[in-house]
Amino acid sequence: LKEFAGIAAGASAPESLATLAFLYMCLAISAKYGDVPSVDILVWSELPTGAGLGSSAAYAVCLAAALLTACGAISCPLKEGESTARWTEEELNLINSWAFQGERVIHGNPSGVDNAVGTWGGALRYQSGKITPLKRVPTLRILLTNTKVPRSTKVLVAGVKEKMLKFPAIMNPVLDSIDAISQECQSVLEAMPANPSPEYYPVLEELFDINQHHLNVIGVGHPSLDRLCRVTASHGLHSKLTGAGGGGCGITLLRPDTSPLAVEAAKRDLCACGFECRETNIGAPGVTLHSSSSLNAEVLHALSES
């Protein structure tokens, strides 16, 4: 496929890997379910690549859903008059499995977390290859900051593995502690919807801080992320890296009572560092089929320009 597409062996540019994933998925899905009809595929995204936001998984999930629908392997769930629709649980499982194959082409040995979140949305727990959706989680406000420092997930994962092999007695307890942080965070998040007490936020903030220190220890930190944490801390806010680390993005937790002035001041200082910063929420829905009439003007314009 690389030879056919004119992609050099060992090429790592996102565009090359995206092309390769498309060719693989299109041919494999055609071989299994019947030919994908002749189609034009336009890809538009606001997600930066190589920033730890799961852009490759979002691409793979949408591509899998589109190709499977086009060849009739899954239904077209959109009924007349509806603006959006989602597939059945069984069909989502199929989308997820093919999206994972696309992620393997791009990343080599991905965990499967990103494509699972892209497929089902919400919040998921991942442990030892097992993915469990969290049924009740609150909507959390965050600042999402892109340091614009590119990094490779594959390289960072290899670096962590090398450290584990070199210093197992040191690294394994750190990883056990990260797992304990994850479990504690899950307990807090699942308790919050039934009892939306402001007392939960200081706990989450402390878990953010501890987790960020641990991630630096295992070697996935970066000076740009340290700077991000210092800037937000100067405004009383708590941050940690997201994704593979080594640059990319960080998230900053915003309490419900965080003043708009503090948020704007933090965003201003982060942008002054050369970072891109936006306010958003955690817990969006997963892959969804939209009617053309439901797309916003910006998306329609971008697609029409392609």
C-alpha atoms as a PDB file:
ATOM      1  CA  LEU A   1       0.000   0.000   0.000  1.00  0.00           C
ATOM      2  CA  LYS A   2       2.862   2.382   0.785  1.00  0.00           C
ATOM      3  CA  GLU A   3       4.367   1.708  -2.632  1.00  0.00           C
ATOM      4  CA  PHE A   4       0.990   2.178  -4.332  1.00  0.00           C
ATOM      5  CA  ALA A   5       0.419   5.510  -2.553  1.00  0.00           C
ATOM      6  CA  GLY A   6       3.985   6.714  -3.061  1.00  0.00           C
ATOM      7  CA  ILE A   7       4.667   6.778   0.699  1.00  0.00           C
ATOM      8  CA  ALA A   8       8.288   6.200   1.689  1.00  0.00           C
ATOM      9  CA  ALA A   9       9.046   3.356   4.078  1.00  0.00           C
ATOM     10  CA  GLY A  10       9.179   4.689   7.640  1.00  0.00           C
ATOM     11  CA  ALA A  11       7.238   7.851   6.747  1.00  0.00           C
ATOM     12  CA  SER A  12       5.611   9.396   9.816  1.00  0.00           C
ATOM     13  CA  ALA A  13       3.870  12.521   8.469  1.00  0.00           C
ATOM     14  CA  PRO A  14       0.214  12.594   9.623  1.00  0.00           C
ATOM     15  CA  GLU A  15      -1.011  13.013   6.035  1.00  0.00           C
ATOM     16  CA  SER A  16       0.889   9.905   4.888  1.00  0.00           C
ATOM     17  CA  LEU A  17      -0.346   7.790   7.792  1.00  0.00           C
ATOM     18  CA  ALA A  18      -3.932   9.015   7.301  1.00  0.00           C
ATOM     19  CA  THR A  19      -3.774   8.052   3.615  1.00  0.00           C
ATOM     20  CA  LEU A  20      -2.366   4.639   4.487  1.00  0.00           C
ATOM     21  CA  ALA A  21      -5.092   4.030   7.095  1.00  0.00           C
ATOM     22  CA  PHE A  22      -7.784   4.959   4.579  1.00  0.00           C
ATOM     23  CA  LEU A  23      -6.400   2.619   1.904  1.00  0.00           C
ATOM     24  CA  TYR A  24      -6.107  -0.257   4.356  1.00  0.00           C
ATOM     25  CA  MET A  25      -9.581   0.184   5.847  1.00  0.00           C
ATOM     26  CA  CYS A  26     -11.267   0.686   2.475  1.00  0.00           C
ATOM     27  CA  LEU A  27      -9.708  -2.458   0.968  1.00  0.00           C
ATOM     28  CA  ALA A  28     -10.198  -4.605   4.086  1.00  0.00           C
ATOM     29  CA  ILE A  29     -13.837  -3.549   4.584  1.00  0.00           C
ATOM     30  CA  SER A  30     -14.547  -4.097   0.861  1.00  0.00           C
ATOM     31  CA  ALA A  31     -13.016  -7.574   1.010  1.00  0.00           C
ATOM     32  CA  LYS A  32     -15.105  -8.564   4.040  1.00  0.00           C
ATOM     33  CA  TYR A  33     -18.494  -6.940   3.381  1.00  0.00           C
ATOM     34  CA  GLY A  34     -18.622  -6.209  -0.349  1.00  0.00           C
ATOM     35  CA  ASP A  35     -17.229  -3.388  -2.425  1.00  0.00           C
ATOM     36  CA  VAL A  36     -17.420   0.140  -1.061  1.00  0.00           C
ATOM     37  CA  PRO A  37     -19.121   2.133  -3.851  1.00  0.00           C
ATOM     38  CA  SER A  38     -17.342   4.959  -5.613  1.00  0.00           C
ATOM     39  CA  VAL A  39     -17.461   7.890  -3.194  1.00  0.00           C
ATOM     40  CA  ASP A  40     -15.879  11.270  -2.536  1.00  0.00           C
ATOM     41  CA  ILE A  41     -14.566  11.540   1.026  1.00  0.00           C
ATOM     42  CA  LEU A  42     -13.912  14.978   2.496  1.00  0.00           C
ATOM     43  CA  VAL A  43     -12.241  15.291   5.891  1.00  0.00           C
ATOM     44  CA  TRP A  44     -12.599  18.441   7.991  1.00  0.00           C
ATOM     45  CA  SER A  45     -11.421  18.792  11.565  1.00  0.00           C
ATOM     46  CA  GLU A  46     -10.734  21.380  14.233  1.00  0.00           C
ATOM     47  CA  LEU A  47      -8.463  18.959  16.116  1.00  0.00           C
ATOM     48  CA  PRO A  48      -4.731  19.637  15.769  1.00  0.00           C
ATOM     49  CA  THR A  49      -2.649  16.590  14.863  1.00  0.00           C
ATOM     50  CA  GLY A  50       0.088  15.293  17.140  1.00  0.00           C
ATOM     51  CA  ALA A  51      -1.292  17.182  20.144  1.00  0.00           C
ATOM     52  CA  GLY A  52      -2.711  14.336  22.232  1.00  0.00           C
ATOM     53  CA  LEU A  53      -6.360  15.047  21.459  1.00  0.00           C
ATOM     54  CA  GLY A  54      -7.086  11.781  19.646  1.00  0.00           C
ATOM     55  CA  SER A  55      -7.278  13.358  16.187  1.00  0.00           C
ATOM     56  CA  SER A  56      -6.178  10.111  14.515  1.00  0.00           C
ATOM     57  CA  ALA A  57      -8.837   8.135  16.426  1.00  0.00           C
ATOM     58  CA  ALA A  58     -11.558  10.657  15.527  1.00  0.00           C
ATOM     59  CA  TYR A  59     -10.504  10.286  11.890  1.00  0.00           C
ATOM     60  CA  ALA A  60     -10.436   6.477  12.077  1.00  0.00           C
ATOM     61  CA  VAL A  61     -13.835   6.261  13.802  1.00  0.00           C
ATOM     62  CA  CYS A  62     -15.543   8.553  11.285  1.00  0.00           C
ATOM     63  CA  LEU A  63     -13.862   6.758   8.396  1.00  0.00           C
ATOM     64  CA  ALA A  64     -14.941   3.346   9.702  1.00  0.00           C
ATOM     65  CA  ALA A  65     -18.529   4.524  10.194  1.00  0.00           C
ATOM     66  CA  ALA A  66     -18.646   6.056   6.705  1.00  0.00           C
ATOM     67  CA  LEU A  67     -17.142   3.051   4.892  1.00  0.00           C
ATOM     68  CA  LEU A  68     -19.238   0.488   6.781  1.00  0.00           C
ATOM     69  CA  THR A  69     -22.400   2.483   6.064  1.00  0.00           C
ATOM     70  CA  ALA A  70     -21.490   2.977   2.405  1.00  0.00           C
ATOM     71  CA  CYS A  71     -21.043  -0.764   1.763  1.00  0.00           C
ATOM     72  CA  GLY A  72     -24.130  -1.740   3.790  1.00  0.00           C
ATOM     73  CA  ALA A  73     -22.310  -3.526   6.626  1.00  0.00           C
ATOM     74  CA  ILE A  74     -24.221  -1.290   9.059  1.00  0.00           C
ATOM     75  CA  SER A  75     -27.499   0.562   8.637  1.00  0.00           C
ATOM     76  CA  CYS A  76     -28.013   4.218   7.874  1.00  0.00           C
ATOM     77  CA  PRO A  77     -29.713   5.230  11.151  1.00  0.00           C
ATOM     78  CA  LEU A  78     -30.816   8.697  10.031  1.00  0.00           C
ATOM     79  CA  LYS A  79     -34.566   8.845   9.492  1.00  0.00           C
ATOM     80  CA  GLU A  80     -36.336  11.483   7.430  1.00  0.00           C
ATOM     81  CA  GLY A  81     -36.730  14.713   9.370  1.00  0.00           C
ATOM     82  CA  GLU A  82     -34.011  13.855  11.907  1.00  0.00           C
ATOM     83  CA  SER A  83     -30.942  16.049  12.236  1.00  0.00           C
ATOM     84  CA  THR A  84     -28.697  13.462  13.932  1.00  0.00           C
ATOM     85  CA  ALA A  85     -28.777   9.757  14.701  1.00  0.00           C
ATOM     86  CA  ARG A  86     -26.527   7.091  16.251  1.00  0.00           C
ATOM     87  CA  TRP A  87     -26.009   3.446  15.422  1.00  0.00           C
ATOM     88  CA  THR A  88     -27.034   0.455  17.548  1.00  0.00           C
ATOM     89  CA  GLU A  89     -24.690  -0.937  20.215  1.00  0.00           C
ATOM     90  CA  GLU A  90     -23.796  -3.879  17.955  1.00  0.00           C
ATOM     91  CA  GLU A  91     -23.024  -1.547  15.052  1.00  0.00           C
ATOM     92  CA  LEU A  92     -20.956   0.738  17.299  1.00  0.00           C
ATOM     93  CA  ASN A  93     -18.909  -2.306  18.324  1.00  0.00           C
ATOM     94  CA  LEU A  94     -18.200  -2.983  14.656  1.00  0.00           C
ATOM     95  CA  ILE A  95     -17.263   0.661  14.014  1.00  0.00           C
ATOM     96  CA  ASN A  96     -14.947   0.585  17.005  1.00  0.00           C
ATOM     97  CA  SER A  97     -13.213  -2.631  15.920  1.00  0.00           C
ATOM     98  CA  TRP A  98     -12.453  -1.239  12.448  1.00  0.00           C
ATOM     99  CA  ALA A  99     -11.400   2.137  13.848  1.00  0.00           C
ATOM    100  CA  PHE A 100      -8.915   0.258  16.031  1.00  0.00           C
ATOM    101  CA  GLN A 101      -7.437  -1.338  12.897  1.00  0.00           C
ATOM    102  CA  GLY A 102      -7.011   2.145  11.434  1.00  0.00           C
ATOM    103  CA  GLU A 103      -5.305   3.271  14.648  1.00  0.00           C
ATOM    104  CA  ARG A 104      -2.942   0.300  14.411  1.00  0.00           C
ATOM    105  CA  VAL A 105      -1.873   1.433  10.944  1.00  0.00           C
ATOM    106  CA  ILE A 106      -1.190   4.936  12.288  1.00  0.00           C
ATOM    107  CA  HIS A 107       0.324   4.171  15.713  1.00  0.00           C
ATOM    108  CA  GLY A 108       1.544   0.588  15.577  1.00  0.00           C
ATOM    109  CA  ASN A 109       0.372  -0.624  18.988  1.00  0.00           C
ATOM    110  CA  PRO A 110      -2.368   1.679  20.327  1.00  0.00           C
ATOM    111  CA  SER A 111      -4.285   0.981  23.532  1.00  0.00           C
ATOM    112  CA  GLY A 112      -7.722   1.274  21.903  1.00  0.00           C
ATOM    113  CA  VAL A 113      -8.823   3.967  24.359  1.00  0.00           C
ATOM    114  CA  ASP A 114      -9.008   6.843  21.888  1.00  0.00           C
ATOM    115  CA  ASN A 115     -11.094   5.034  19.279  1.00  0.00           C
ATOM    116  CA  ALA A 116     -13.390   3.676  22.036  1.00  0.00           C
ATOM    117  CA  VAL A 117     -14.016   7.205  23.371  1.00  0.00           C
ATOM    118  CA  GLY A 118     -14.559   8.448  19.805  1.00  0.00           C
ATOM    119  CA  THR A 119     -17.098   5.691  19.205  1.00  0.00           C
ATOM    120  CA  TRP A 120     -19.104   5.790  22.440  1.00  0.00           C
ATOM    121  CA  GLY A 121     -18.304   9.240  23.825  1.00  0.00           C
ATOM    122  CA  GLY A 122     -18.689  10.121  27.495  1.00  0.00           C
ATOM    123  CA  ALA A 123     -16.019   8.805  29.867  1.00  0.00           C
ATOM    124  CA  LEU A 124     -14.373   5.378  29.876  1.00  0.00           C
ATOM    125  CA  ARG A 125     -12.076   3.456  32.194  1.00  0.00           C
ATOM    126  CA  TYR A 126      -9.227   1.541  30.594  1.00  0.00           C
ATOM    127  CA  GLN A 127      -7.252  -1.104  32.479  1.00  0.00           C
ATOM    128  CA  SER A 128      -5.214  -4.051  31.174  1.00  0.00           C
ATOM    129  CA  GLY A 129      -6.917  -3.903  27.793  1.00  0.00           C
ATOM    130  CA  LYS A 130     -10.426  -3.812  29.273  1.00  0.00           C
ATOM    131  CA  ILE A 131     -12.556  -0.751  28.481  1.00  0.00           C
ATOM    132  CA  THR A 132     -15.531   0.040  30.739  1.00  0.00           C
ATOM    133  CA  PRO A 133     -17.877   3.009  30.143  1.00  0.00           C
ATOM    134  CA  LEU A 134     -18.595   5.154  33.203  1.00  0.00           C
ATOM    135  CA  LYS A 135     -22.371   5.414  33.448  1.00  0.00           C
ATOM    136  CA  ARG A 136     -22.743   8.540  35.589  1.00  0.00           C
ATOM    137  CA  VAL A 137     -20.214  11.327  35.297  1.00  0.00           C
ATOM    138  CA  PRO A 138     -20.611  15.087  35.640  1.00  0.00           C
ATOM    139  CA  THR A 139     -19.886  17.574  32.892  1.00  0.00           C
ATOM    140  CA  LEU A 140     -16.576  19.192  33.772  1.00  0.00           C
ATOM    141  CA  ARG A 141     -15.439  22.584  32.546  1.00  0.00           C
ATOM    142  CA  ILE A 142     -11.830  22.699  31.441  1.00  0.00           C
ATOM    143  CA  LEU A 143      -9.337  24.881  29.666  1.00  0.00           C
ATOM    144  CA  LEU A 144      -7.739  22.927  26.840  1.00  0.00           C
ATOM    145  CA  THR A 145      -4.312  24.311  25.969  1.00  0.00           C
ATOM    146  CA  ASN A 146      -2.211  23.276  22.998  1.00  0.00           C
ATOM    147  CA  THR A 147       1.481  23.958  23.603  1.00  0.00           C
ATOM    148  CA  LYS A 148       2.053  23.460  19.840  1.00  0.00           C
ATOM    149  CA  VAL A 149       5.027  21.240  20.660  1.00  0.00           C
ATOM    150  CA  PRO A 150       4.720  18.219  18.318  1.00  0.00           C
ATOM    151  CA  ARG A 151       5.428  14.742  19.630  1.00  0.00           C
ATOM    152  CA  SER A 152       5.089  11.110  18.643  1.00  0.00           C
ATOM    153  CA  THR A 153       2.953   8.784  20.776  1.00  0.00           C
ATOM    154  CA  LYS A 154       4.961   5.825  19.494  1.00  0.00           C
ATOM    155  CA  VAL A 155       8.289   7.355  20.585  1.00  0.00           C
ATOM    156  CA  LEU A 156       6.984   8.358  24.024  1.00  0.00           C
ATOM    157  CA  VAL A 157       5.471   4.941  24.716  1.00  0.00           C
ATOM    158  CA  ALA A 158       8.766   3.313  23.727  1.00  0.00           C
ATOM    159  CA  GLY A 159      10.601   5.632  26.142  1.00  0.00           C
ATOM    160  CA  VAL A 160       8.357   4.651  29.056  1.00  0.00           C
ATOM    161  CA  LYS A 161       8.814   0.967  28.243  1.00  0.00           C
ATOM    162  CA  GLU A 162      12.596   1.412  28.203  1.00  0.00           C
ATOM    163  CA  LYS A 163      12.489   3.067  31.652  1.00  0.00           C
ATOM    164  CA  MET A 164      10.336   0.232  33.013  1.00  0.00           C
ATOM    165  CA  LEU A 165      12.845  -2.360  31.800  1.00  0.00           C
ATOM    166  CA  LYS A 166      15.779  -0.371  33.164  1.00  0.00           C
ATOM    167  CA  PHE A 167      14.334   0.522  36.583  1.00  0.00           C
ATOM    168  CA  PRO A 168      11.481  -1.928  37.325  1.00  0.00           C
ATOM    169  CA  ALA A 169      11.694  -1.551  41.126  1.00  0.00           C
ATOM    170  CA  ILE A 170      11.300   2.225  40.755  1.00  0.00           C
ATOM    171  CA  MET A 171       8.881   2.475  37.849  1.00  0.00           C
ATOM    172  CA  ASN A 172       6.354  -0.204  38.802  1.00  0.00           C
ATOM    173  CA  PRO A 173       5.361   1.512  42.096  1.00  0.00           C
ATOM    174  CA  VAL A 174       4.956   4.795  40.195  1.00  0.00           C
ATOM    175  CA  LEU A 175       2.640   3.120  37.702  1.00  0.00           C
ATOM    176  CA  ASP A 176       0.725   1.481  40.570  1.00  0.00           C
ATOM    177  CA  SER A 177       0.281   4.929  42.105  1.00  0.00           C
ATOM    178  CA  ILE A 178      -0.992   6.335  38.783  1.00  0.00           C
ATOM    179  CA  ASP A 179      -3.520   3.482  38.701  1.00  0.00           C
ATOM    180  CA  ALA A 180      -4.617   4.336  42.248  1.00  0.00           C
ATOM    181  CA  ILE A 181      -5.062   7.988  41.216  1.00  0.00           C
ATOM    182  CA  SER A 182      -7.246   6.832  38.320  1.00  0.00           C
ATOM    183  CA  GLN A 183      -9.432   4.721  40.603  1.00  0.00           C
ATOM    184  CA  GLU A 184      -9.792   7.532  43.134  1.00  0.00           C
ATOM    185  CA  CYS A 185     -10.711   9.962  40.364  1.00  0.00           C
ATOM    186  CA  GLN A 186     -13.329   7.547  39.032  1.00  0.00           C
ATOM    187  CA  SER A 187     -14.881   7.231  42.501  1.00  0.00           C
ATOM    188  CA  VAL A 188     -15.091  11.007  42.843  1.00  0.00           C
ATOM    189  CA  LEU A 189     -16.557  11.515  39.352  1.00  0.00           C
ATOM    190  CA  GLU A 190     -19.222   8.848  39.869  1.00  0.00           C
ATOM    191  CA  ALA A 191     -20.198  10.336  43.237  1.00  0.00           C
ATOM    192  CA  MET A 192     -20.561  13.882  41.907  1.00  0.00           C
ATOM    193  CA  PRO A 193     -23.860  13.635  39.922  1.00  0.00           C
ATOM    194  CA  ALA A 194     -25.816  12.396  42.963  1.00  0.00           C
ATOM    195  CA  ASN A 195     -24.185  14.897  45.313  1.00  0.00           C
ATOM    196  CA  PRO A 196     -22.854  17.933  43.411  1.00  0.00           C
ATOM    197  CA  SER A 197     -20.868  19.254  46.377  1.00  0.00           C
ATOM    198  CA  PRO A 198     -18.106  21.815  45.789  1.00  0.00           C
ATOM    199  CA  GLU A 199     -15.945  19.748  48.143  1.00  0.00           C
ATOM    200  CA  TYR A 200     -15.124  17.337  45.307  1.00  0.00           C
ATOM    201  CA  TYR A 201     -13.194  19.897  43.289  1.00  0.00           C
ATOM    202  CA  PRO A 202     -10.233  20.319  45.692  1.00  0.00           C
ATOM    203  CA  VAL A 203      -9.853  16.516  45.632  1.00  0.00           C
ATOM    204  CA  LEU A 204      -9.786  16.459  41.819  1.00  0.00           C
ATOM    205  CA  GLU A 205      -7.307  19.337  41.793  1.00  0.00           C
ATOM    206  CA  GLU A 206      -4.970  17.484  44.146  1.00  0.00           C
ATOM    207  CA  LEU A 207      -5.238  14.357  42.003  1.00  0.00           C
ATOM    208  CA  PHE A 208      -4.366  16.468  38.930  1.00  0.00           C
ATOM    209  CA  ASP A 209      -1.215  17.737  40.666  1.00  0.00           C
ATOM    210  CA  ILE A 210      -0.051  14.320  41.887  1.00  0.00           C
ATOM    211  CA  ASN A 211      -0.731  12.737  38.503  1.00  0.00           C
ATOM    212  CA  GLN A 212       1.238  15.417  36.663  1.00  0.00           C
ATOM    213  CA  HIS A 213       4.269  14.867  38.922  1.00  0.00           C
ATOM    214  CA  HIS A 214       4.104  11.106  38.315  1.00  0.00           C
ATOM    215  CA  LEU A 215       3.877  11.609  34.550  1.00  0.00           C
ATOM    216  CA  ASN A 216       7.040  13.711  34.697  1.00  0.00           C
ATOM    217  CA  VAL A 217       8.742  10.893  36.609  1.00  0.00           C
ATOM    218  CA  ILE A 218       7.959   8.287  33.933  1.00  0.00           C
ATOM    219  CA  GLY A 219       9.377  10.575  31.253  1.00  0.00           C
ATOM    220  CA  VAL A 220       6.410  11.997  29.354  1.00  0.00           C
ATOM    221  CA  GLY A 221       6.629  15.555  30.658  1.00  0.00           C
ATOM    222  CA  HIS A 222       8.029  18.546  28.780  1.00  0.00           C
ATOM    223  CA  PRO A 223       9.209  22.073  29.704  1.00  0.00           C
ATOM    224  CA  SER A 224       6.240  23.545  27.800  1.00  0.00           C
ATOM    225  CA  LEU A 225       3.837  21.554  29.991  1.00  0.00           C
ATOM    226  CA  ASP A 226       5.701  22.605  33.147  1.00  0.00           C
ATOM    227  CA  ARG A 227       5.278  26.205  32.035  1.00  0.00           C
ATOM    228  CA  LEU A 228       1.563  25.659  31.394  1.00  0.00           C
ATOM    229  CA  CYS A 229       1.154  24.296  34.947  1.00  0.00           C
ATOM    230  CA  ARG A 230       3.057  27.242  36.456  1.00  0.00           C
ATOM    231  CA  VAL A 231       0.996  29.821  34.555  1.00  0.00           C
ATOM    232  CA  THR A 232      -2.361  28.334  35.570  1.00  0.00           C
ATOM    233  CA  ALA A 233      -1.150  27.818  39.163  1.00  0.00           C
ATOM    234  CA  SER A 234      -0.464  31.553  39.364  1.00  0.00           C
ATOM    235  CA  HIS A 235      -4.227  31.993  38.860  1.00  0.00           C
ATOM    236  CA  GLY A 236      -5.145  29.336  41.441  1.00  0.00           C
ATOM    237  CA  LEU A 237      -5.891  26.694  38.803  1.00  0.00           C
ATOM    238  CA  HIS A 238      -4.623  23.116  38.482  1.00  0.00           C
ATOM    239  CA  SER A 239      -3.426  21.470  35.258  1.00  0.00           C
ATOM    240  CA  LYS A 240      -1.987  18.245  33.892  1.00  0.00           C
ATOM    241  CA  LEU A 241      -0.933  16.913  30.509  1.00  0.00           C
ATOM    242  CA  THR A 242      -3.366  14.970  28.356  1.00  0.00           C
ATOM    243  CA  GLY A 243      -2.604  12.371  25.718  1.00  0.00           C
ATOM    244  CA  ALA A 244       0.888  10.955  25.428  1.00  0.00           C
ATOM    245  CA  GLY A 245       2.623  14.053  26.799  1.00  0.00           C
ATOM    246  CA  GLY A 246       6.029  15.224  25.551  1.00  0.00           C
ATOM    247  CA  GLY A 247       4.374  18.499  24.516  1.00  0.00           C
ATOM    248  CA  GLY A 248       0.951  18.430  22.930  1.00  0.00           C
ATOM    249  CA  CYS A 249      -1.930  19.518  25.156  1.00  0.00           C
ATOM    250  CA  GLY A 250      -2.748  20.067  28.796  1.00  0.00           C
ATOM    251  CA  ILE A 251      -6.081  20.402  30.586  1.00  0.00           C
ATOM    252  CA  THR A 252      -6.918  22.809  33.391  1.00  0.00           C
ATOM    253  CA  LEU A 253      -9.844  22.074  35.715  1.00  0.00           C
ATOM    254  CA  LEU A 254     -12.316  24.920  36.218  1.00  0.00           C
ATOM    255  CA  ARG A 255     -14.578  24.896  39.259  1.00  0.00           C
ATOM    256  CA  PRO A 256     -18.211  25.957  38.779  1.00  0.00           C
ATOM    257  CA  ASP A 257     -17.466  29.079  40.830  1.00  0.00           C
ATOM    258  CA  THR A 258     -14.203  29.988  39.055  1.00  0.00           C
ATOM    259  CA  SER A 259     -14.604  33.648  38.161  1.00  0.00           C
ATOM    260  CA  PRO A 260     -14.735  34.585  34.451  1.00  0.00           C
ATOM    261  CA  LEU A 261     -12.016  37.162  35.155  1.00  0.00           C
ATOM    262  CA  ALA A 262      -9.645  34.462  36.431  1.00  0.00           C
ATOM    263  CA  VAL A 263     -10.372  32.286  33.409  1.00  0.00           C
ATOM    264  CA  GLU A 264      -9.757  35.149  30.979  1.00  0.00           C
ATOM    265  CA  ALA A 265      -6.551  36.142  32.781  1.00  0.00           C
ATOM    266  CA  ALA A 266      -5.265  32.565  32.607  1.00  0.00           C
ATOM    267  CA  LYS A 267      -6.148  32.305  28.911  1.00  0.00           C
ATOM    268  CA  ARG A 268      -4.401  35.605  28.200  1.00  0.00           C
ATOM    269  CA  ASP A 269      -1.201  34.501  29.959  1.00  0.00           C
ATOM    270  CA  LEU A 270      -1.237  31.107  28.233  1.00  0.00           C
ATOM    271  CA  CYS A 271      -1.642  32.725  24.824  1.00  0.00           C
ATOM    272  CA  ALA A 272       1.239  35.069  25.694  1.00  0.00           C
ATOM    273  CA  CYS A 273       3.400  31.911  25.969  1.00  0.00           C
ATOM    274  CA  GLY A 274       2.559  31.117  22.343  1.00  0.00           C
ATOM    275  CA  PHE A 275      -0.004  28.473  23.314  1.00  0.00           C
ATOM    276  CA  GLU A 276      -3.532  28.070  21.929  1.00  0.00           C
ATOM    277  CA  CYS A 277      -6.213  27.964  24.614  1.00  0.00           C
ATOM    278  CA  ARG A 278      -9.966  27.380  24.575  1.00  0.00           C
ATOM    279  CA  GLU A 279     -12.625  26.624  27.136  1.00  0.00           C
ATOM    280  CA  THR A 280     -14.615  23.429  26.634  1.00  0.00           C
ATOM    281  CA  ASN A 281     -16.337  20.553  28.470  1.00  0.00           C
ATOM    282  CA  ILE A 282     -15.485  16.890  29.039  1.00  0.00           C
ATOM    283  CA  GLY A 283     -18.134  14.312  28.121  1.00  0.00           C
ATOM    284  CA  ALA A 284     -19.284  14.757  24.496  1.00  0.00           C
ATOM    285  CA  PRO A 285     -21.364  12.147  22.616  1.00  0.00           C
ATOM    286  CA  GLY A 286     -19.590   9.634  20.381  1.00  0.00           C
ATOM    287  CA  VAL A 287     -19.722   9.096  16.623  1.00  0.00           C
ATOM    288  CA  THR A 288     -22.927  10.511  15.167  1.00  0.00           C
ATOM    289  CA  LEU A 289     -24.479  10.690  11.705  1.00  0.00           C
ATOM    290  CA  HIS A 290     -25.588  14.229  10.830  1.00  0.00           C
ATOM    291  CA  SER A 291     -27.926  15.436   8.126  1.00  0.00           C
ATOM    292  CA  SER A 292     -26.395  18.141   5.931  1.00  0.00           C
ATOM    293  CA  SER A 293     -28.986  20.622   7.241  1.00  0.00           C
ATOM    294  CA  SER A 294     -27.733  20.128  10.811  1.00  0.00           C
ATOM    295  CA  LEU A 295     -24.124  21.115  10.057  1.00  0.00           C
ATOM    296  CA  ASN A 296     -23.070  24.599  11.081  1.00  0.00           C
ATOM    297  CA  ALA A 297     -22.090  27.207   8.516  1.00  0.00           C
ATOM    298  CA  GLU A 298     -18.364  26.908   9.268  1.00  0.00           C
ATOM    299  CA  VAL A 299     -18.330  23.173   8.536  1.00  0.00           C
ATOM    300  CA  LEU A 300     -20.421  23.534   5.391  1.00  0.00           C
ATOM    301  CA  HIS A 301     -18.127  26.287   4.124  1.00  0.00           C
ATOM    302  CA  ALA A 302     -15.000  24.208   4.832  1.00  0.00           C
ATOM    303  CA  LEU A 303     -16.439  21.211   3.023  1.00  0.00           C
ATOM    304  CA  SER A 304     -17.602  23.269   0.040  1.00  0.00           C
ATOM    305  CA  GLU A 305     -14.110  24.731  -0.309  1.00  0.00           C
ATOM    306  CA  SER A 306     -12.501  21.261  -0.455  1.00  0.00           C
END
